[in-house]
Amino acid sequence: MTDEATITVTANGREYRIPKNQLLDTFLESVGQKPGLVVVERNGIALTQSEARKTVLEHGDRLEIVRIVAGG
């Protein structure tokens, strides 16, 4: 049962209960990720960093979060 103040999102296959109207950047920080150092796909669509900063998560969103790693 969901209460009216929270929603459920899935990130990298794991379900999370979060407050309604939570920004993606806030969610990323809550799971130990730095917003500028990851690429996020939301419901199959890759987000730019500027889109990610202003994205409000919605119930049922599916996220794939990939850390950016430099190599050489």
PDB file of N, CA and C in Angstrom:
ATOM      1  N   MET A   1       0.841  -1.183   0.000  1.00  0.00           N
ATOM      2  CA  MET A   1       0.000   0.000   0.000  1.00  0.00           C
ATOM      3  C   MET A   1       0.888   1.248   0.000  1.00  0.00           C
ATOM      4  N   THR A   2       0.580   2.211  -0.845  1.00  0.00           N
ATOM      5  CA  THR A   2       1.363   3.443  -0.896  1.00  0.00           C
ATOM      6  C   THR A   2       0.633   4.534  -0.130  1.00  0.00           C
ATOM      7  N   ASP A   3       1.397   5.355   0.571  1.00  0.00           N
ATOM      8  CA  ASP A   3       0.738   6.501   1.188  1.00  0.00           C
ATOM      9  C   ASP A   3       0.854   7.669   0.217  1.00  0.00           C
ATOM     10  N   GLU A   4       0.066   8.679   0.438  1.00  0.00           N
ATOM     11  CA  GLU A   4      -0.033   9.774  -0.522  1.00  0.00           C
ATOM     12  C   GLU A   4       1.192  10.664  -0.568  1.00  0.00           C
ATOM     13  N   ALA A   5       2.091  10.537   0.398  1.00  0.00           N
ATOM     14  CA  ALA A   5       3.269  11.402   0.445  1.00  0.00           C
ATOM     15  C   ALA A   5       4.493  10.771  -0.208  1.00  0.00           C
ATOM     16  N   THR A   6       4.388   9.502  -0.615  1.00  0.00           N
ATOM     17  CA  THR A   6       5.534   8.827  -1.220  1.00  0.00           C
ATOM     18  C   THR A   6       5.157   8.177  -2.543  1.00  0.00           C
ATOM     19  N   ILE A   7       6.206   7.906  -3.321  1.00  0.00           N
ATOM     20  CA  ILE A   7       6.055   7.179  -4.579  1.00  0.00           C
ATOM     21  C   ILE A   7       7.112   6.090  -4.614  1.00  0.00           C
ATOM     22  N   THR A   8       6.991   5.190  -5.572  1.00  0.00           N
ATOM     23  CA  THR A   8       7.981   4.137  -5.760  1.00  0.00           C
ATOM     24  C   THR A   8       8.646   4.316  -7.117  1.00  0.00           C
ATOM     25  N   VAL A   9       9.979   4.273  -7.117  1.00  0.00           N
ATOM     26  CA  VAL A   9      10.747   4.280  -8.360  1.00  0.00           C
ATOM     27  C   VAL A   9      11.694   3.087  -8.317  1.00  0.00           C
ATOM     28  N   THR A  10      12.140   2.649  -9.474  1.00  0.00           N
ATOM     29  CA  THR A  10      13.096   1.563  -9.561  1.00  0.00           C
ATOM     30  C   THR A  10      14.372   2.095 -10.181  1.00  0.00           C
ATOM     31  N   ALA A  11      15.494   1.860  -9.500  1.00  0.00           N
ATOM     32  CA  ALA A  11      16.794   2.304  -9.992  1.00  0.00           C
ATOM     33  C   ALA A  11      17.734   1.120 -10.025  1.00  0.00           C
ATOM     34  N   ASN A  12      18.261   0.834 -11.210  1.00  0.00           N
ATOM     35  CA  ASN A  12      19.173  -0.298 -11.407  1.00  0.00           C
ATOM     36  C   ASN A  12      18.599  -1.587 -10.816  1.00  0.00           C
ATOM     37  N   GLY A  13      17.287  -1.778 -11.032  1.00  0.00           N
ATOM     38  CA  GLY A  13      16.624  -3.001 -10.615  1.00  0.00           C
ATOM     39  C   GLY A  13      16.165  -3.045  -9.165  1.00  0.00           C
ATOM     40  N   ARG A  14      16.416  -2.008  -8.396  1.00  0.00           N
ATOM     41  CA  ARG A  14      16.034  -1.980  -6.984  1.00  0.00           C
ATOM     42  C   ARG A  14      14.943  -0.934  -6.759  1.00  0.00           C
ATOM     43  N   GLU A  15      13.895  -1.304  -6.001  1.00  0.00           N
ATOM     44  CA  GLU A  15      12.806  -0.370  -5.722  1.00  0.00           C
ATOM     45  C   GLU A  15      13.151   0.539  -4.552  1.00  0.00           C
ATOM     46  N   TYR A  16      12.760   1.798  -4.694  1.00  0.00           N
ATOM     47  CA  TYR A  16      12.959   2.800  -3.643  1.00  0.00           C
ATOM     48  C   TYR A  16      11.651   3.518  -3.396  1.00  0.00           C
ATOM     49  N   ARG A  17      11.366   3.776  -2.124  1.00  0.00           N
ATOM     50  CA  ARG A  17      10.235   4.632  -1.738  1.00  0.00           C
ATOM     51  C   ARG A  17      10.803   5.999  -1.439  1.00  0.00           C
ATOM     52  N   ILE A  18      10.297   6.988  -2.144  1.00  0.00           N
ATOM     53  CA  ILE A  18      10.829   8.341  -1.997  1.00  0.00           C
ATOM     54  C   ILE A  18       9.675   9.328  -1.831  1.00  0.00           C
ATOM     55  N   PRO A  19       9.968  10.523  -1.320  1.00  0.00           N
ATOM     56  CA  PRO A  19       8.908  11.535  -1.208  1.00  0.00           C
ATOM     57  C   PRO A  19       8.422  11.965  -2.593  1.00  0.00           C
ATOM     58  N   LYS A  20       7.141  12.277  -2.679  1.00  0.00           N
ATOM     59  CA  LYS A  20       6.590  12.842  -3.917  1.00  0.00           C
ATOM     60  C   LYS A  20       7.338  14.114  -4.262  1.00  0.00           C
ATOM     61  N   ASN A  21       7.424  14.413  -5.536  1.00  0.00           N
ATOM     62  CA  ASN A  21       8.038  15.639  -6.051  1.00  0.00           C
ATOM     63  C   ASN A  21       9.535  15.734  -5.786  1.00  0.00           C
ATOM     64  N   GLN A  22      10.194  14.591  -5.570  1.00  0.00           N
ATOM     65  CA  GLN A  22      11.641  14.624  -5.342  1.00  0.00           C
ATOM     66  C   GLN A  22      12.372  14.815  -6.675  1.00  0.00           C
ATOM     67  N   LEU A  23      13.353  15.709  -6.655  1.00  0.00           N
ATOM     68  CA  LEU A  23      14.184  15.925  -7.835  1.00  0.00           C
ATOM     69  C   LEU A  23      15.142  14.754  -8.014  1.00  0.00           C
ATOM     70  N   LEU A  24      15.469  14.465  -9.260  1.00  0.00           N
ATOM     71  CA  LEU A  24      16.398  13.388  -9.567  1.00  0.00           C
ATOM     72  C   LEU A  24      17.743  13.605  -8.883  1.00  0.00           C
ATOM     73  N   ASP A  25      18.267  14.825  -8.918  1.00  0.00           N
ATOM     74  CA  ASP A  25      19.553  15.100  -8.267  1.00  0.00           C
ATOM     75  C   ASP A  25      19.517  14.754  -6.778  1.00  0.00           C
ATOM     76  N   THR A  26      18.424  15.084  -6.106  1.00  0.00           N
ATOM     77  CA  THR A  26      18.282  14.774  -4.680  1.00  0.00           C
ATOM     78  C   THR A  26      18.262  13.265  -4.472  1.00  0.00           C
ATOM     79  N   PHE A  27      17.549  12.555  -5.338  1.00  0.00           N
ATOM     80  CA  PHE A  27      17.517  11.091  -5.251  1.00  0.00           C
ATOM     81  C   PHE A  27      18.916  10.517  -5.436  1.00  0.00           C
ATOM     82  N   LEU A  28      19.624  10.993  -6.449  1.00  0.00           N
ATOM     83  CA  LEU A  28      20.979  10.487  -6.705  1.00  0.00           C
ATOM     84  C   LEU A  28      21.866  10.661  -5.477  1.00  0.00           C
ATOM     85  N   GLU A  29      21.816  11.827  -4.870  1.00  0.00           N
ATOM     86  CA  GLU A  29      22.617  12.068  -3.672  1.00  0.00           C
ATOM     87  C   GLU A  29      22.211  11.136  -2.542  1.00  0.00           C
ATOM     88  N   SER A  30      20.920  10.832  -2.419  1.00  0.00           N
ATOM     89  CA  SER A  30      20.436   9.968  -1.341  1.00  0.00           C
ATOM     90  C   SER A  30      20.904   8.524  -1.491  1.00  0.00           C
ATOM     91  N   VAL A  31      21.254   8.137  -2.724  1.00  0.00           N
ATOM     92  CA  VAL A  31      21.766   6.776  -2.937  1.00  0.00           C
ATOM     93  C   VAL A  31      23.280   6.762  -3.145  1.00  0.00           C
ATOM     94  N   GLY A  32      23.927   7.874  -2.771  1.00  0.00           N
ATOM     95  CA  GLY A  32      25.381   7.929  -2.786  1.00  0.00           C
ATOM     96  C   GLY A  32      26.030   8.225  -4.126  1.00  0.00           C
ATOM     97  N   GLN A  33      25.271   8.793  -5.042  1.00  0.00           N
ATOM     98  CA  GLN A  33      25.822   9.140  -6.361  1.00  0.00           C
ATOM     99  C   GLN A  33      25.956  10.656  -6.475  1.00  0.00           C
ATOM    100  N   LYS A  34      26.976  11.087  -7.204  1.00  0.00           N
ATOM    101  CA  LYS A  34      27.155  12.525  -7.448  1.00  0.00           C
ATOM    102  C   LYS A  34      26.531  12.842  -8.807  1.00  0.00           C
ATOM    103  N   PRO A  35      25.527  13.721  -8.820  1.00  0.00           N
ATOM    104  CA  PRO A  35      24.790  13.999 -10.053  1.00  0.00           C
ATOM    105  C   PRO A  35      25.645  14.297 -11.280  1.00  0.00           C
ATOM    106  N   GLY A  36      26.735  15.021 -11.161  1.00  0.00           N
ATOM    107  CA  GLY A  36      27.553  15.347 -12.323  1.00  0.00           C
ATOM    108  C   GLY A  36      28.455  14.222 -12.798  1.00  0.00           C
ATOM    109  N   LEU A  37      28.515  13.138 -12.019  1.00  0.00           N
ATOM    110  CA  LEU A  37      29.425  12.043 -12.348  1.00  0.00           C
ATOM    111  C   LEU A  37      28.714  10.774 -12.790  1.00  0.00           C
ATOM    112  N   VAL A  38      27.419  10.889 -13.088  1.00  0.00           N
ATOM    113  CA  VAL A  38      26.654   9.743 -13.571  1.00  0.00           C
ATOM    114  C   VAL A  38      25.835  10.138 -14.792  1.00  0.00           C
ATOM    115  N   VAL A  39      25.483   9.135 -15.567  1.00  0.00           N
ATOM    116  CA  VAL A  39      24.538   9.304 -16.665  1.00  0.00           C
ATOM    117  C   VAL A  39      23.278   8.560 -16.248  1.00  0.00           C
ATOM    118  N   VAL A  40      22.122   9.194 -16.446  1.00  0.00           N
ATOM    119  CA  VAL A  40      20.867   8.579 -16.026  1.00  0.00           C
ATOM    120  C   VAL A  40      19.954   8.394 -17.228  1.00  0.00           C
ATOM    121  N   GLU A  41      19.396   7.190 -17.313  1.00  0.00           N
ATOM    122  CA  GLU A  41      18.368   6.887 -18.298  1.00  0.00           C
ATOM    123  C   GLU A  41      17.066   6.754 -17.515  1.00  0.00           C
ATOM    124  N   ARG A  42      16.072   7.525 -17.916  1.00  0.00           N
ATOM    125  CA  ARG A  42      14.766   7.492 -17.245  1.00  0.00           C
ATOM    126  C   ARG A  42      13.737   6.944 -18.209  1.00  0.00           C
ATOM    127  N   ASN A  43      13.170   5.814 -17.850  1.00  0.00           N
ATOM    128  CA  ASN A  43      12.149   5.168 -18.678  1.00  0.00           C
ATOM    129  C   ASN A  43      12.629   4.990 -20.120  1.00  0.00           C
ATOM    130  N   GLY A  44      13.900   4.596 -20.256  1.00  0.00           N
ATOM    131  CA  GLY A  44      14.459   4.295 -21.566  1.00  0.00           C
ATOM    132  C   GLY A  44      15.027   5.472 -22.326  1.00  0.00           C
ATOM    133  N   ILE A  45      14.992   6.666 -21.736  1.00  0.00           N
ATOM    134  CA  ILE A  45      15.493   7.858 -22.423  1.00  0.00           C
ATOM    135  C   ILE A  45      16.640   8.456 -21.615  1.00  0.00           C
ATOM    136  N   ALA A  46      17.807   8.598 -22.264  1.00  0.00           N
ATOM    137  CA  ALA A  46      18.963   9.190 -21.591  1.00  0.00           C
ATOM    138  C   ALA A  46      18.719  10.673 -21.372  1.00  0.00           C
ATOM    139  N   LEU A  47      19.067  11.146 -20.177  1.00  0.00           N
ATOM    140  CA  LEU A  47      18.888  12.549 -19.834  1.00  0.00           C
ATOM    141  C   LEU A  47      20.208  13.294 -19.912  1.00  0.00           C
ATOM    142  N   THR A  48      20.162  14.524 -20.400  1.00  0.00           N
ATOM    143  CA  THR A  48      21.342  15.373 -20.326  1.00  0.00           C
ATOM    144  C   THR A  48      21.492  15.823 -18.877  1.00  0.00           C
ATOM    145  N   GLN A  49      22.658  16.371 -18.520  1.00  0.00           N
ATOM    146  CA  GLN A  49      22.844  16.838 -17.150  1.00  0.00           C
ATOM    147  C   GLN A  49      21.870  17.953 -16.805  1.00  0.00           C
ATOM    148  N   SER A  50      21.599  18.844 -17.749  1.00  0.00           N
ATOM    149  CA  SER A  50      20.654  19.935 -17.455  1.00  0.00           C
ATOM    150  C   SER A  50      19.233  19.400 -17.276  1.00  0.00           C
ATOM    151  N   GLU A  51      18.841  18.393 -18.055  1.00  0.00           N
ATOM    152  CA  GLU A  51      17.522  17.778 -17.869  1.00  0.00           C
ATOM    153  C   GLU A  51      17.447  17.077 -16.515  1.00  0.00           C
ATOM    154  N   ALA A  52      18.504  16.378 -16.152  1.00  0.00           N
ATOM    155  CA  ALA A  52      18.522  15.632 -14.892  1.00  0.00           C
ATOM    156  C   ALA A  52      18.365  16.565 -13.698  1.00  0.00           C
ATOM    157  N   ARG A  53      18.975  17.748 -13.765  1.00  0.00           N
ATOM    158  CA  ARG A  53      18.907  18.699 -12.644  1.00  0.00           C
ATOM    159  C   ARG A  53      17.484  19.167 -12.351  1.00  0.00           C
ATOM    160  N   LYS A  54      16.645  19.243 -13.391  1.00  0.00           N
ATOM    161  CA  LYS A  54      15.291  19.764 -13.181  1.00  0.00           C
ATOM    162  C   LYS A  54      14.203  18.685 -13.251  1.00  0.00           C
ATOM    163  N   THR A  55      14.592  17.426 -13.357  1.00  0.00           N
ATOM    164  CA  THR A  55      13.629  16.336 -13.465  1.00  0.00           C
ATOM    165  C   THR A  55      13.028  15.983 -12.109  1.00  0.00           C
ATOM    166  N   VAL A  56      11.704  15.997 -12.041  1.00  0.00           N
ATOM    167  CA  VAL A  56      10.973  15.556 -10.857  1.00  0.00           C
ATOM    168  C   VAL A  56      10.552  14.111 -11.108  1.00  0.00           C
ATOM    169  N   LEU A  57      10.908  13.233 -10.195  1.00  0.00           N
ATOM    170  CA  LEU A  57      10.583  11.821 -10.367  1.00  0.00           C
ATOM    171  C   LEU A  57       9.093  11.575 -10.155  1.00  0.00           C
ATOM    172  N   GLU A  58       8.577  10.571 -10.891  1.00  0.00           N
ATOM    173  CA  GLU A  58       7.168  10.216 -10.825  1.00  0.00           C
ATOM    174  C   GLU A  58       7.023   8.754 -10.454  1.00  0.00           C
ATOM    175  N   HIS A  59       5.875   8.415  -9.852  1.00  0.00           N
ATOM    176  CA  HIS A  59       5.610   7.036  -9.452  1.00  0.00           C
ATOM    177  C   HIS A  59       5.788   6.100 -10.654  1.00  0.00           C
ATOM    178  N   GLY A  60       6.543   5.037 -10.444  1.00  0.00           N
ATOM    179  CA  GLY A  60       6.749   4.042 -11.496  1.00  0.00           C
ATOM    180  C   GLY A  60       7.942   4.297 -12.397  1.00  0.00           C
ATOM    181  N   ASP A  61       8.637   5.416 -12.212  1.00  0.00           N
ATOM    182  CA  ASP A  61       9.814   5.683 -13.044  1.00  0.00           C
ATOM    183  C   ASP A  61      10.824   4.550 -12.905  1.00  0.00           C
ATOM    184  N   ARG A  62      11.470   4.228 -14.028  1.00  0.00           N
ATOM    185  CA  ARG A  62      12.533   3.226 -14.046  1.00  0.00           C
ATOM    186  C   ARG A  62      13.818   3.950 -14.451  1.00  0.00           C
ATOM    187  N   LEU A  63      14.802   3.876 -13.584  1.00  0.00           N
ATOM    188  CA  LEU A  63      16.063   4.572 -13.800  1.00  0.00           C
ATOM    189  C   LEU A  63      17.199   3.575 -13.977  1.00  0.00           C
ATOM    190  N   GLU A  64      18.095   3.894 -14.870  1.00  0.00           N
ATOM    191  CA  GLU A  64      19.371   3.189 -14.985  1.00  0.00           C
ATOM    192  C   GLU A  64      20.435   4.245 -14.735  1.00  0.00           C
ATOM    193  N   ILE A  65      21.280   4.003 -13.754  1.00  0.00           N
ATOM    194  CA  ILE A  65      22.290   4.967 -13.353  1.00  0.00           C
ATOM    195  C   ILE A  65      23.660   4.353 -13.614  1.00  0.00           C
ATOM    196  N   VAL A  66      24.474   5.047 -14.409  1.00  0.00           N
ATOM    197  CA  VAL A  66      25.790   4.550 -14.788  1.00  0.00           C
ATOM    198  C   VAL A  66      26.830   5.595 -14.406  1.00  0.00           C
ATOM    199  N   ARG A  67      27.829   5.186 -13.639  1.00  0.00           N
ATOM    200  CA  ARG A  67      28.909   6.101 -13.280  1.00  0.00           C
ATOM    201  C   ARG A  67      29.807   6.349 -14.469  1.00  0.00           C
ATOM    202  N   ILE A  68      30.214   7.601 -14.625  1.00  0.00           N
ATOM    203  CA  ILE A  68      31.144   7.980 -15.689  1.00  0.00           C
ATOM    204  C   ILE A  68      32.556   7.689 -15.175  1.00  0.00           C
ATOM    205  N   VAL A  69      33.299   6.909 -15.959  1.00  0.00           N
ATOM    206  CA  VAL A  69      34.657   6.551 -15.571  1.00  0.00           C
ATOM    207  C   VAL A  69      35.596   6.947 -16.697  1.00  0.00           C
ATOM    208  N   ALA A  70      36.624   7.701 -16.358  1.00  0.00           N
ATOM    209  CA  ALA A  70      37.614   8.091 -17.363  1.00  0.00           C
ATOM    210  C   ALA A  70      38.683   7.016 -17.419  1.00  0.00           C
ATOM    211  N   GLY A  71      39.172   6.782 -18.574  1.00  0.00           N
ATOM    212  CA  GLY A  71      40.234   5.783 -18.750  1.00  0.00           C
ATOM    213  C   GLY A  71      41.156   6.184 -19.881  1.00  0.00           C
ATOM    214  N   GLY A  72      42.191   5.439 -20.004  1.00  0.00           N
ATOM    215  CA  GLY A  72      43.094   5.824 -21.068  1.00  0.00           C
ATOM    216  C   GLY A  72      43.961   4.705 -21.529  1.00  0.00           C
TER     217      GLY A  72
END
